[in-house]
Amino acid sequence: MTLHRLIAAERWRERRRLRQAGLCAALVAIASVLLLALSGWFLTAAALAGGAGIVAAQAFNYMLPSAMIRLLAIMRTGARYGERLASHGAAFGALARLRPALYRALTVAPPSVALTLGRGEATARLIGDVDAVEWRFVRLSGPWGIVAALASGAALTLLGGWLAMVATLACVGGALGLAQVWAHRLEEPGRAAQQAMGALREEVATIGGAAAELRCFALEDWATARIAAASDRLAAAQAQQAAVVARFEALHAISVALAAASALLLSAGAGAPIAALAALAAAMTADATAPILRAMTERGRLCEAEARLETLFAAAEERPAADEVCDATLMIDGTPFAPGSRIALTGPSGCGKTTLVEGLLGLRPLPPDRIMIGGRDAAALAPATLRATFAWAPQDAALMAGTVRDNLRLADDQASEDRLLQALHDAALDDVVRALPEGLDTWLGEDGARLSGGERRRMSLARAYLADAPWLLLDEPGEGLDAAVAAQVARRLDARLKRTGQGMILVSHRPVLSALCNRQWAAGGGTRRSAA
């Protein structure tokens, strides 16, 4: 589902609260126009009555107008509260579904899209860009308010004559028309500000992740300068956006002043109280355009946010469905490998072993007609099919901030405790986990900070063991392990393969692990039997 369809669906789902917000906004506008108009009439009429003498002052009925003014003030306050409650409720309800949808789009986007997003940029999409969409929902009640203000303002200014009414509507219409032209021409500062915010978050996340290395090489000043430069670009973009906002604010103030002055002058013949009523009604009618004008100043930022989000949703929309693969037989460079085979992927560093591994997972394109899975070209298979075929333990073992259980269940969210412990045993990590304060429920910290490098690698290996896949795809599982632990991992891996019947493609420079393989596949092309 694309972003625009998702937003349309959320608007339909939240239609009840959005209608409530619109009706409350209309009530706020009507009460505001009536309140100020009646106040102007009441103060002017009371002043004239007081100036006419004691008899006129005593005859003047001030109780009813003052009661109406108080009622309108209470009505406006209550309606404004109701409008805020309903509009923000609709926005938060939509966001509660929009953010998970965006996260799903990030996770299923093609590698050409997903891998280009750094941590900071992805955060900017999930927070900053989605917040801009929230702002759109909050402002959906604005048109209701301006329509209600125009209707009530036209009715009240008509008391001062049709010319006063026309002048008021002309001032409002002129302001909205000019604002619409400006909104199209002045989108760029808002877009630039949104882009600069994402760039700053990306810079902070990237440099923050390398804080230890930067300190080690005394590069703190360099890092500070980079962040300061990104911050300056954001500040410059925000200053340009503030200039746009100032232009719209000036337009709003001028339209209010012109509407009030023209209504006052054109209704002067109807008497001072009516002229005051018309002038203040016209002022409040023009003032009701403030939410619309404010929304127009944010058009560039909103358009940029939606365009950035739409890129992710559109990429996820193009994701191919999983293919039917009858069996897990591999054919590599014309050589068949039956399920259960053990293949060592060999070659010197830099020859492309990791690239091939990532290709088998759909993270990179594969050369056509080189690798067949179940008789089908792996280069043409959907990533979902490839990832159901191979359980991967990557060279760089990444763990999420969570418990041991959370990290293992990424491979199988329904795995029982016995399966989790068996996978840890097979990865030679069960004793380490049992020694942790809360066992499987021990919090590991950011990227598994409580574990050593070798323990993180074995945690990743245990996670691969939990995936229900016919082939294990292990990239340097013995890296960072001492000889005794590597030998233990190798023995338990051998036992596991015999028990499960899984096949294995292994990248390893550790002889104790590569000795488990009976076939070799050279990354540069060609397969052969191992000397073992």
Protein backbone atom coordinates (compact mmCIF):
# COMPACT_ATOMS: atom_id res chain seq x y z
CA MET A 1 0.00 0.00 0.00
CA THR A 2 1.39 3.41 -0.95
CA LEU A 3 1.53 6.28 1.52
CA HIS A 4 -1.30 8.20 -0.13
CA ARG A 5 -3.59 5.17 -0.06
CA LEU A 6 -2.62 4.52 3.53
CA ILE A 7 -3.40 8.12 4.54
CA ALA A 8 -6.73 7.93 2.69
CA ALA A 9 -7.54 4.72 4.55
CA GLU A 10 -6.64 6.32 7.87
CA ARG A 11 -8.81 9.33 7.11
CA TRP A 12 -11.71 6.98 6.45
CA ARG A 13 -10.99 4.99 9.62
CA GLU A 14 -10.83 8.18 11.70
CA ARG A 15 -13.74 9.87 9.93
CA ARG A 16 -15.88 10.04 13.07
CA ARG A 17 -13.28 11.92 15.11
CA LEU A 18 -12.36 14.08 12.12
CA ARG A 19 -16.02 15.07 11.71
CA GLN A 20 -16.17 15.88 15.42
CA ALA A 21 -13.04 18.01 15.07
CA GLY A 22 -14.51 19.79 12.04
CA LEU A 23 -17.81 20.53 13.77
CA CYS A 24 -15.99 21.81 16.85
CA ALA A 25 -13.76 23.98 14.66
CA ALA A 26 -16.86 25.41 12.96
CA LEU A 27 -18.39 26.11 16.36
CA VAL A 28 -15.19 27.84 17.50
CA ALA A 29 -15.22 30.07 14.41
CA ILE A 30 -18.90 31.00 14.77
CA ALA A 31 -18.56 31.69 18.48
CA SER A 32 -15.43 33.79 17.90
CA VAL A 33 -17.06 35.95 15.22
CA LEU A 34 -20.25 36.40 17.24
CA LEU A 35 -18.33 37.06 20.46
CA LEU A 36 -16.18 39.86 19.08
CA ALA A 37 -18.98 41.38 17.00
CA LEU A 38 -21.41 41.38 19.91
CA SER A 39 -18.70 42.79 22.20
CA GLY A 40 -18.06 45.64 19.77
CA TRP A 41 -21.76 46.42 19.46
CA PHE A 42 -22.30 46.18 23.24
CA LEU A 43 -19.38 48.43 24.22
CA THR A 44 -20.25 51.06 21.60
CA ALA A 45 -23.96 51.03 22.39
CA ALA A 46 -23.28 51.16 26.13
CA ALA A 47 -20.92 54.12 25.67
CA LEU A 48 -23.50 55.99 23.60
CA ALA A 49 -26.22 55.23 26.14
CA GLY A 50 -24.04 56.45 28.95
CA GLY A 51 -23.23 59.64 27.07
CA ALA A 52 -26.90 60.33 26.38
CA GLY A 53 -27.73 60.79 30.05
CA ILE A 54 -28.91 58.95 33.11
CA VAL A 55 -32.32 58.06 31.64
CA ALA A 56 -30.84 56.42 28.54
CA ALA A 57 -28.22 54.61 30.63
CA GLN A 58 -30.84 53.18 32.96
CA ALA A 59 -33.03 52.13 30.04
CA PHE A 60 -30.16 50.32 28.31
CA ASN A 61 -30.44 46.53 28.70
CA TYR A 62 -26.89 45.42 29.44
CA MET A 63 -27.82 42.11 31.15
CA LEU A 64 -28.79 40.18 28.03
CA PRO A 65 -25.77 41.15 25.88
CA SER A 66 -23.34 40.52 28.72
CA ALA A 67 -24.90 37.10 29.36
CA MET A 68 -24.61 36.28 25.65
CA ILE A 69 -20.97 37.37 25.63
CA ARG A 70 -20.19 35.09 28.56
CA LEU A 71 -22.09 32.19 26.95
CA LEU A 72 -20.19 32.63 23.67
CA ALA A 73 -16.87 32.75 25.52
CA ILE A 74 -17.65 29.50 27.31
CA MET A 75 -18.88 27.93 24.08
CA ARG A 76 -15.70 28.91 22.25
CA THR A 77 -13.46 27.53 25.00
CA GLY A 78 -15.34 24.23 25.16
CA ALA A 79 -15.45 23.85 21.38
CA ARG A 80 -11.74 24.60 21.07
CA TYR A 81 -10.97 21.92 23.65
CA GLY A 82 -13.22 19.47 21.80
CA GLU A 83 -11.56 20.29 18.47
CA ARG A 84 -8.08 19.72 19.88
CA LEU A 85 -9.14 16.50 21.57
CA ALA A 86 -10.77 15.04 18.46
CA SER A 87 -8.16 16.18 15.92
CA HIS A 88 -5.20 14.99 17.98
CA GLY A 89 -7.01 11.76 18.79
CA ALA A 90 -7.47 11.14 15.06
CA ALA A 91 -3.83 12.01 14.39
CA PHE A 92 -2.47 9.76 17.14
CA GLY A 93 -4.76 6.91 16.09
CA ALA A 94 -3.53 7.20 12.50
CA LEU A 95 0.11 7.41 13.60
CA ALA A 96 -0.26 4.30 15.74
CA ARG A 97 -0.84 2.40 12.49
CA LEU A 98 1.31 4.52 10.18
CA ARG A 99 4.60 4.05 12.02
CA PRO A 100 4.40 0.21 12.06
CA ALA A 101 3.45 0.32 8.37
CA LEU A 102 6.50 2.46 7.66
CA TYR A 103 8.72 0.12 9.66
CA ARG A 104 7.40 -2.82 7.64
CA ALA A 105 8.13 -0.86 4.46
CA LEU A 106 11.70 -0.28 5.67
CA THR A 107 12.21 -3.95 6.42
CA VAL A 108 10.90 -5.27 3.11
CA ALA A 109 12.26 -2.54 0.84
CA PRO A 110 14.75 -3.72 -1.80
CA PRO A 111 18.40 -3.54 -0.74
CA SER A 112 19.00 -0.73 -3.23
CA VAL A 113 16.66 1.38 -1.08
CA ALA A 114 17.00 -0.01 2.44
CA LEU A 115 20.80 -0.23 2.49
CA THR A 116 21.14 3.41 1.46
CA LEU A 117 19.45 4.53 4.68
CA GLY A 118 21.75 5.11 7.59
CA ARG A 119 20.52 4.84 11.16
CA GLY A 120 19.98 8.58 11.47
CA GLU A 121 18.19 8.86 8.13
CA ALA A 122 15.89 5.97 8.98
CA THR A 123 15.16 7.63 12.33
CA ALA A 124 14.38 10.88 10.52
CA ARG A 125 11.85 9.04 8.38
CA LEU A 126 10.24 7.31 11.33
CA ILE A 127 10.09 10.43 13.50
CA GLY A 128 10.46 13.70 11.62
CA ASP A 129 8.67 12.77 8.41
CA VAL A 130 5.85 10.95 10.17
CA ASP A 131 5.41 13.91 12.52
CA ALA A 132 4.85 16.08 9.45
CA VAL A 133 2.05 13.72 8.40
CA GLU A 134 0.61 13.99 11.92
CA TRP A 135 0.51 17.76 11.45
CA ARG A 136 -1.62 17.23 8.35
CA PHE A 137 -4.21 15.29 10.35
CA VAL A 138 -4.33 17.91 13.07
CA ARG A 139 -5.03 20.63 10.46
CA LEU A 140 -7.84 18.78 8.66
CA SER A 141 -10.45 20.68 10.69
CA GLY A 142 -9.18 24.06 9.44
CA PRO A 143 -11.44 24.31 6.34
CA TRP A 144 -14.52 23.69 8.49
CA GLY A 145 -13.61 26.66 10.64
CA ILE A 146 -13.04 29.06 7.78
CA VAL A 147 -16.31 28.11 6.06
CA ALA A 148 -18.21 28.67 9.29
CA ALA A 149 -16.39 31.97 9.86
CA LEU A 150 -17.21 33.16 6.34
CA ALA A 151 -20.89 32.30 6.75
CA SER A 152 -21.28 33.95 10.17
CA GLY A 153 -19.08 36.91 9.21
CA ALA A 154 -21.04 37.53 6.01
CA ALA A 155 -24.33 37.48 7.94
CA LEU A 156 -23.10 39.96 10.55
CA THR A 157 -21.33 42.37 8.18
CA LEU A 158 -24.48 42.41 6.04
CA LEU A 159 -26.12 44.27 8.94
CA GLY A 160 -23.85 47.15 8.00
CA GLY A 161 -24.73 46.89 4.31
CA TRP A 162 -23.94 44.66 1.40
CA LEU A 163 -20.82 46.66 0.53
CA ALA A 164 -19.33 45.90 3.94
CA MET A 165 -20.05 42.20 3.42
CA VAL A 166 -18.50 42.16 -0.06
CA ALA A 167 -15.42 44.02 1.14
CA THR A 168 -14.92 41.54 3.95
CA LEU A 169 -15.25 38.52 1.68
CA ALA A 170 -12.96 40.19 -0.87
CA CYS A 171 -10.24 40.71 1.75
CA VAL A 172 -10.46 37.08 2.85
CA GLY A 173 -10.56 35.76 -0.70
CA GLY A 174 -7.64 37.96 -1.79
CA ALA A 175 -5.51 36.83 1.15
CA LEU A 176 -6.22 33.16 0.47
CA GLY A 177 -5.58 33.54 -3.26
CA LEU A 178 -2.26 35.30 -2.76
CA ALA A 179 -1.26 32.77 -0.11
CA GLN A 180 -2.01 29.93 -2.53
CA VAL A 181 0.33 31.47 -5.12
CA TRP A 182 3.05 31.99 -2.53
CA ALA A 183 2.65 28.46 -1.19
CA HIS A 184 3.50 26.99 -4.59
CA ARG A 185 6.42 29.35 -5.16
CA LEU A 186 7.89 29.11 -1.66
CA GLU A 187 7.94 25.35 -1.11
CA GLU A 188 11.71 25.01 -1.41
CA PRO A 189 12.68 26.42 2.03
CA GLY A 190 10.35 23.92 3.73
CA ARG A 191 11.75 21.04 1.67
CA ALA A 192 15.30 22.16 2.43
CA ALA A 193 14.59 22.31 6.15
CA GLN A 194 13.17 18.78 6.16
CA GLN A 195 16.17 17.47 4.20
CA ALA A 196 18.63 19.28 6.47
CA MET A 197 16.98 17.80 9.56
CA GLY A 198 17.41 14.28 8.16
CA ALA A 199 21.04 15.01 7.24
CA LEU A 200 21.81 16.28 10.74
CA ARG A 201 20.29 13.20 12.37
CA GLU A 202 22.29 10.97 10.04
CA GLU A 203 25.51 12.84 10.86
CA VAL A 204 24.92 12.63 14.60
CA ALA A 205 24.06 8.91 14.45
CA THR A 206 27.07 8.07 12.28
CA ILE A 207 29.59 10.04 14.32
CA GLY A 208 28.05 8.97 17.62
CA GLY A 209 28.44 5.32 16.64
CA ALA A 210 32.18 5.86 16.10
CA ALA A 211 32.74 7.89 19.28
CA ALA A 212 35.37 5.55 20.72
CA GLU A 213 37.45 5.50 17.54
CA LEU A 214 37.21 9.28 17.19
CA ARG A 215 38.54 9.75 20.71
CA CYS A 216 41.31 7.25 20.08
CA PHE A 217 42.56 9.19 17.06
CA ALA A 218 41.92 12.62 18.61
CA LEU A 219 39.30 13.50 16.00
CA GLU A 220 36.78 15.07 18.36
CA ASP A 221 37.25 18.51 16.83
CA TRP A 222 36.81 17.11 13.32
CA ALA A 223 33.61 15.35 14.36
CA THR A 224 32.33 18.46 16.12
CA ALA A 225 33.01 20.53 13.00
CA ARG A 226 31.04 18.09 10.82
CA ILE A 227 28.05 18.16 13.15
CA ALA A 228 28.30 21.94 13.44
CA ALA A 229 28.33 22.26 9.64
CA ALA A 230 25.20 20.09 9.35
CA SER A 231 23.60 22.11 12.14
CA ASP A 232 24.45 25.37 10.36
CA ARG A 233 22.84 24.09 7.16
CA LEU A 234 19.72 23.24 9.13
CA ALA A 235 19.73 26.66 10.81
CA ALA A 236 20.08 28.40 7.43
CA ALA A 237 17.20 26.37 6.00
CA GLN A 238 15.06 27.11 9.06
CA ALA A 239 15.87 30.82 8.76
CA GLN A 240 14.63 30.78 5.15
CA GLN A 241 11.52 28.93 6.27
CA ALA A 242 11.01 31.51 9.04
CA ALA A 243 11.14 34.27 6.40
CA VAL A 244 8.37 32.49 4.51
CA VAL A 245 6.33 32.20 7.70
CA ALA A 246 6.87 35.90 8.40
CA ARG A 247 5.54 36.78 4.95
CA PHE A 248 2.36 34.79 5.59
CA GLU A 249 1.99 36.28 9.06
CA ALA A 250 2.20 39.77 7.55
CA LEU A 251 -0.38 38.83 4.94
CA HIS A 252 -2.68 37.61 7.71
CA ALA A 253 -2.28 40.80 9.76
CA ILE A 254 -2.85 43.04 6.73
CA SER A 255 -5.96 41.13 5.66
CA VAL A 256 -7.43 41.42 9.17
CA ALA A 257 -6.73 45.16 9.29
CA LEU A 258 -8.10 45.79 5.79
CA ALA A 259 -11.25 43.77 6.44
CA ALA A 260 -11.95 45.60 9.70
CA ALA A 261 -11.23 49.06 8.29
CA SER A 262 -13.25 48.57 5.11
CA ALA A 263 -16.22 47.15 7.02
CA LEU A 264 -16.08 50.04 9.49
CA LEU A 265 -16.02 52.67 6.77
CA LEU A 266 -18.66 51.08 4.55
CA SER A 267 -21.11 50.47 7.43
CA ALA A 268 -20.70 53.87 9.09
CA GLY A 269 -24.11 54.96 7.81
CA ALA A 270 -25.81 52.23 9.85
CA GLY A 271 -24.79 53.81 13.13
CA ALA A 272 -21.79 53.48 15.41
CA PRO A 273 -22.90 50.26 17.22
CA ILE A 274 -23.60 48.42 13.94
CA ALA A 275 -20.38 49.78 12.41
CA ALA A 276 -18.41 48.46 15.39
CA LEU A 277 -20.20 45.12 15.11
CA ALA A 278 -19.43 44.87 11.38
CA ALA A 279 -15.79 45.91 11.81
CA LEU A 280 -15.02 43.38 14.52
CA ALA A 281 -17.01 40.63 12.74
CA ALA A 282 -14.94 41.32 9.62
CA ALA A 283 -11.71 41.20 11.64
CA MET A 284 -12.58 37.82 13.14
CA THR A 285 -13.68 36.47 9.77
CA ALA A 286 -10.29 37.35 8.29
CA ASP A 287 -8.54 36.05 11.41
CA ALA A 288 -10.16 32.65 10.86
CA THR A 289 -7.84 32.14 7.87
CA ALA A 290 -4.87 31.79 10.24
CA PRO A 291 -4.90 27.93 10.36
CA ILE A 292 -5.12 27.72 6.56
CA LEU A 293 -2.31 30.23 6.08
CA ARG A 294 -0.19 28.42 8.64
CA ALA A 295 -0.79 25.16 6.82
CA MET A 296 0.36 26.74 3.57
CA THR A 297 3.66 27.79 5.16
CA GLU A 298 4.28 24.13 5.97
CA ARG A 299 3.43 22.84 2.50
CA GLY A 300 7.06 22.45 1.42
CA ARG A 301 8.02 20.56 4.57
CA LEU A 302 4.96 18.32 4.32
CA CYS A 303 5.46 17.62 0.61
CA GLU A 304 9.11 16.71 1.18
CA ALA A 305 8.23 14.44 4.11
CA GLU A 306 5.52 12.68 2.12
CA ALA A 307 7.79 12.32 -0.92
CA ARG A 308 10.52 10.75 1.22
CA LEU A 309 8.04 8.36 2.83
CA GLU A 310 6.40 7.56 -0.49
CA THR A 311 9.78 6.38 -1.82
CA LEU A 312 9.88 3.70 0.86
CA PHE A 313 6.26 2.64 0.47
CA ALA A 314 6.56 2.50 -3.32
CA ALA A 315 9.71 0.37 -3.06
CA ALA A 316 7.98 -2.01 -0.65
CA GLU A 317 4.98 -2.15 -3.00
CA GLU A 318 7.22 -3.48 -5.75
CA ARG A 319 8.45 -6.38 -3.63
CA PRO A 320 7.89 -9.64 -5.54
CA ALA A 321 5.93 -12.44 -3.94
CA ALA A 322 7.65 -15.62 -2.80
CA ASP A 323 8.27 -18.23 -5.47
CA GLU A 324 7.41 -21.90 -5.37
CA VAL A 325 10.61 -23.94 -5.02
CA CYS A 326 10.09 -27.69 -4.99
CA ASP A 327 13.35 -28.68 -3.28
CA ALA A 328 16.52 -27.18 -1.91
CA THR A 329 18.96 -28.80 -4.35
CA LEU A 330 21.68 -26.35 -5.36
CA MET A 331 23.53 -26.23 -8.64
CA ILE A 332 26.55 -23.94 -8.64
CA ASP A 333 28.49 -23.33 -11.84
CA GLY A 334 26.94 -26.48 -13.29
CA THR A 335 27.77 -28.70 -10.29
CA PRO A 336 24.83 -30.11 -8.30
CA PHE A 337 24.77 -30.15 -4.49
CA ALA A 338 22.16 -32.27 -2.79
CA PRO A 339 20.47 -31.07 0.42
CA GLY A 340 22.75 -31.85 3.33
CA SER A 341 25.97 -31.10 1.46
CA ARG A 342 28.72 -29.19 3.23
CA ILE A 343 30.36 -26.61 0.99
CA ALA A 344 33.36 -24.43 1.82
CA LEU A 345 33.28 -21.13 -0.04
CA THR A 346 36.94 -20.39 -0.65
CA GLY A 347 39.12 -17.67 -2.07
CA PRO A 348 41.49 -14.93 -0.89
CA SER A 349 40.23 -11.89 1.01
CA GLY A 350 38.52 -9.42 -1.28
CA CYS A 351 37.59 -11.96 -3.96
CA GLY A 352 33.85 -11.53 -3.31
CA LYS A 353 32.88 -14.28 -0.88
CA THR A 354 30.72 -12.02 1.31
CA THR A 355 29.19 -10.47 -1.81
CA LEU A 356 28.11 -13.92 -2.99
CA VAL A 357 26.73 -14.74 0.44
CA GLU A 358 24.69 -11.53 0.44
CA GLY A 359 23.53 -12.34 -3.09
CA LEU A 360 22.18 -15.69 -1.91
CA LEU A 361 20.05 -13.74 0.58
CA GLY A 362 18.74 -11.25 -1.97
CA LEU A 363 20.78 -8.41 -0.48
CA ARG A 364 22.73 -7.97 -3.71
CA PRO A 365 22.07 -8.98 -7.32
CA LEU A 366 23.38 -12.38 -8.37
CA PRO A 367 24.86 -13.10 -11.79
CA PRO A 368 22.25 -14.95 -13.89
CA ASP A 369 22.49 -18.68 -14.59
CA ARG A 370 25.27 -19.26 -12.09
CA ILE A 371 23.34 -20.57 -9.08
CA MET A 372 20.19 -22.69 -9.37
CA ILE A 373 17.87 -23.55 -6.46
CA GLY A 374 15.40 -26.36 -7.06
CA GLY A 375 16.01 -26.02 -10.78
CA ARG A 376 15.33 -22.26 -10.83
CA ASP A 377 17.76 -19.44 -11.37
CA ALA A 378 18.52 -17.88 -7.97
CA ALA A 379 19.04 -14.50 -9.65
CA ALA A 380 15.34 -14.47 -10.60
CA LEU A 381 13.94 -15.68 -7.27
CA ALA A 382 12.22 -13.35 -4.83
CA PRO A 383 14.21 -12.35 -1.72
CA ALA A 384 11.56 -14.03 0.45
CA THR A 385 12.30 -17.35 -1.27
CA LEU A 386 16.04 -16.98 -0.86
CA ARG A 387 15.71 -16.09 2.81
CA ALA A 388 13.51 -19.12 3.41
CA THR A 389 16.21 -21.29 1.83
CA PHE A 390 19.23 -20.01 3.78
CA ALA A 391 19.66 -19.37 7.52
CA TRP A 392 22.36 -16.73 7.79
CA ALA A 393 24.98 -16.00 10.40
CA PRO A 394 26.71 -12.86 9.06
CA GLN A 395 30.33 -11.89 9.40
CA ASP A 396 29.38 -8.80 11.40
CA ALA A 397 27.08 -10.15 14.08
CA ALA A 398 24.51 -7.41 14.81
CA LEU A 399 22.33 -7.76 17.87
CA MET A 400 19.42 -5.58 18.87
CA ALA A 401 18.97 -3.84 22.19
CA GLY A 402 16.93 -6.49 23.99
CA THR A 403 17.18 -9.73 25.92
CA VAL A 404 18.86 -12.96 24.86
CA ARG A 405 15.39 -14.35 24.16
CA ASP A 406 14.44 -11.33 22.04
CA ASN A 407 17.55 -11.69 19.89
CA LEU A 408 17.11 -15.41 19.34
CA ARG A 409 13.43 -15.15 18.51
CA LEU A 410 14.14 -12.90 15.56
CA ALA A 411 14.63 -16.18 13.70
CA ASP A 412 11.55 -17.89 15.14
CA ASP A 413 9.17 -15.85 17.29
CA GLN A 414 7.40 -19.03 18.43
CA ALA A 415 10.51 -20.93 19.50
CA SER A 416 10.10 -22.77 22.80
CA GLU A 417 12.58 -22.40 25.63
CA ASP A 418 13.91 -25.89 24.92
CA ARG A 419 14.63 -24.93 21.29
CA LEU A 420 16.33 -21.72 22.39
CA LEU A 421 18.56 -23.59 24.84
CA GLN A 422 19.35 -26.27 22.23
CA ALA A 423 20.42 -23.61 19.73
CA LEU A 424 22.61 -21.99 22.38
CA HIS A 425 24.13 -25.37 23.21
CA ASP A 426 24.91 -26.05 19.56
CA ALA A 427 26.59 -22.62 19.34
CA ALA A 428 28.63 -23.36 22.50
CA LEU A 429 26.98 -20.42 24.28
CA ASP A 430 24.61 -22.16 26.69
CA ASP A 431 26.98 -21.99 29.68
CA VAL A 432 27.55 -18.27 29.08
CA VAL A 433 23.80 -17.55 29.02
CA ARG A 434 23.09 -19.65 32.10
CA ALA A 435 25.72 -17.62 33.97
CA LEU A 436 23.97 -14.34 33.11
CA PRO A 437 21.89 -12.79 35.95
CA GLU A 438 18.50 -13.56 34.36
CA GLY A 439 19.45 -16.20 31.84
CA LEU A 440 17.46 -15.91 28.63
CA ASP A 441 15.78 -12.77 29.94
CA THR A 442 19.02 -10.88 30.56
CA TRP A 443 19.14 -7.49 28.87
CA LEU A 444 22.10 -7.36 26.47
CA GLY A 445 22.21 -3.60 25.81
CA GLU A 446 22.84 -1.76 22.57
CA ASP A 447 24.21 -4.20 19.96
CA GLY A 448 24.78 -6.84 22.65
CA ALA A 449 27.15 -4.66 24.66
CA ARG A 450 27.19 -7.11 27.59
CA LEU A 451 28.74 -9.81 25.41
CA SER A 452 32.23 -10.09 24.00
CA GLY A 453 32.86 -10.10 20.26
CA GLY A 454 33.11 -13.89 20.14
CA GLU A 455 29.97 -14.29 22.24
CA ARG A 456 28.04 -11.96 19.93
CA ARG A 457 29.17 -14.05 16.96
CA ARG A 458 27.99 -17.24 18.64
CA MET A 459 24.68 -15.57 19.52
CA SER A 460 24.24 -14.83 15.83
CA LEU A 461 25.11 -18.46 15.07
CA ALA A 462 22.50 -19.71 17.55
CA ARG A 463 19.93 -17.44 15.91
CA ALA A 464 20.72 -18.97 12.52
CA TYR A 465 20.26 -22.43 14.01
CA LEU A 466 16.70 -21.51 15.00
CA ALA A 467 15.66 -20.58 11.47
CA ASP A 468 13.74 -23.33 9.69
CA ALA A 469 15.83 -23.40 6.52
CA PRO A 470 17.38 -26.29 4.56
CA TRP A 471 20.79 -24.58 4.27
CA LEU A 472 22.99 -22.85 6.83
CA LEU A 473 24.90 -19.90 5.39
CA LEU A 474 27.75 -19.17 7.81
CA ASP A 475 30.16 -16.29 7.19
CA GLU A 476 33.27 -16.56 9.40
CA PRO A 477 31.50 -18.10 12.43
CA GLY A 478 34.85 -18.83 14.11
CA GLU A 479 36.25 -15.30 13.89
CA GLY A 480 37.29 -13.93 17.27
CA LEU A 481 37.15 -17.33 19.03
CA ASP A 482 40.10 -18.95 20.76
CA ALA A 483 41.20 -22.38 19.58
CA ALA A 484 39.36 -24.33 22.29
CA VAL A 485 36.06 -22.55 21.76
CA ALA A 486 36.37 -22.78 17.95
CA ALA A 487 36.94 -26.54 18.25
CA GLN A 488 33.89 -26.85 20.52
CA VAL A 489 31.77 -24.86 18.03
CA ALA A 490 33.00 -27.12 15.22
CA ARG A 491 32.17 -30.35 17.10
CA ARG A 492 28.68 -29.17 17.97
CA LEU A 493 28.05 -27.85 14.47
CA ASP A 494 29.03 -31.24 13.04
CA ALA A 495 26.66 -32.98 15.43
CA ARG A 496 23.87 -30.59 14.57
CA LEU A 497 24.26 -31.09 10.83
CA LYS A 498 24.14 -34.85 11.28
CA ARG A 499 21.06 -34.53 13.46
CA THR A 500 19.07 -32.10 11.31
CA GLY A 501 20.22 -33.05 7.83
CA GLN A 502 20.75 -29.40 6.93
CA GLY A 503 23.24 -28.40 4.28
CA MET A 504 25.91 -25.78 4.90
CA ILE A 505 27.77 -23.15 2.91
CA LEU A 506 30.69 -21.99 5.02
CA VAL A 507 33.10 -19.09 4.73
CA SER A 508 35.91 -19.59 7.23
CA HIS A 509 39.65 -19.26 7.56
CA ARG A 510 39.64 -21.57 10.59
CA PRO A 511 40.85 -25.07 9.55
CA VAL A 512 38.89 -26.67 12.39
CA LEU A 513 35.66 -25.41 10.80
CA SER A 514 36.51 -25.74 7.11
CA ALA A 515 37.48 -29.38 7.81
CA LEU A 516 33.77 -30.10 8.26
CA CYS A 517 33.16 -29.50 4.54
CA ASN A 518 33.51 -32.19 1.87
CA ARG A 519 33.14 -29.87 -1.12
CA GLN A 520 34.67 -26.54 -2.06
CA TRP A 521 33.28 -23.69 -4.10
CA ALA A 522 35.78 -21.09 -5.26
CA ALA A 523 34.32 -17.59 -5.16
CA GLY A 524 35.94 -16.87 -8.50
CA GLY A 525 34.09 -19.80 -10.09
CA GLY A 526 34.36 -23.57 -10.05
CA THR A 527 33.75 -26.30 -7.50
CA ARG A 528 35.76 -29.28 -6.44
CA ARG A 529 35.97 -31.91 -3.75
CA SER A 530 37.91 -31.12 -0.64
CA ALA A 531 41.12 -32.93 0.02
CA ALA A 532 39.49 -34.00 3.25
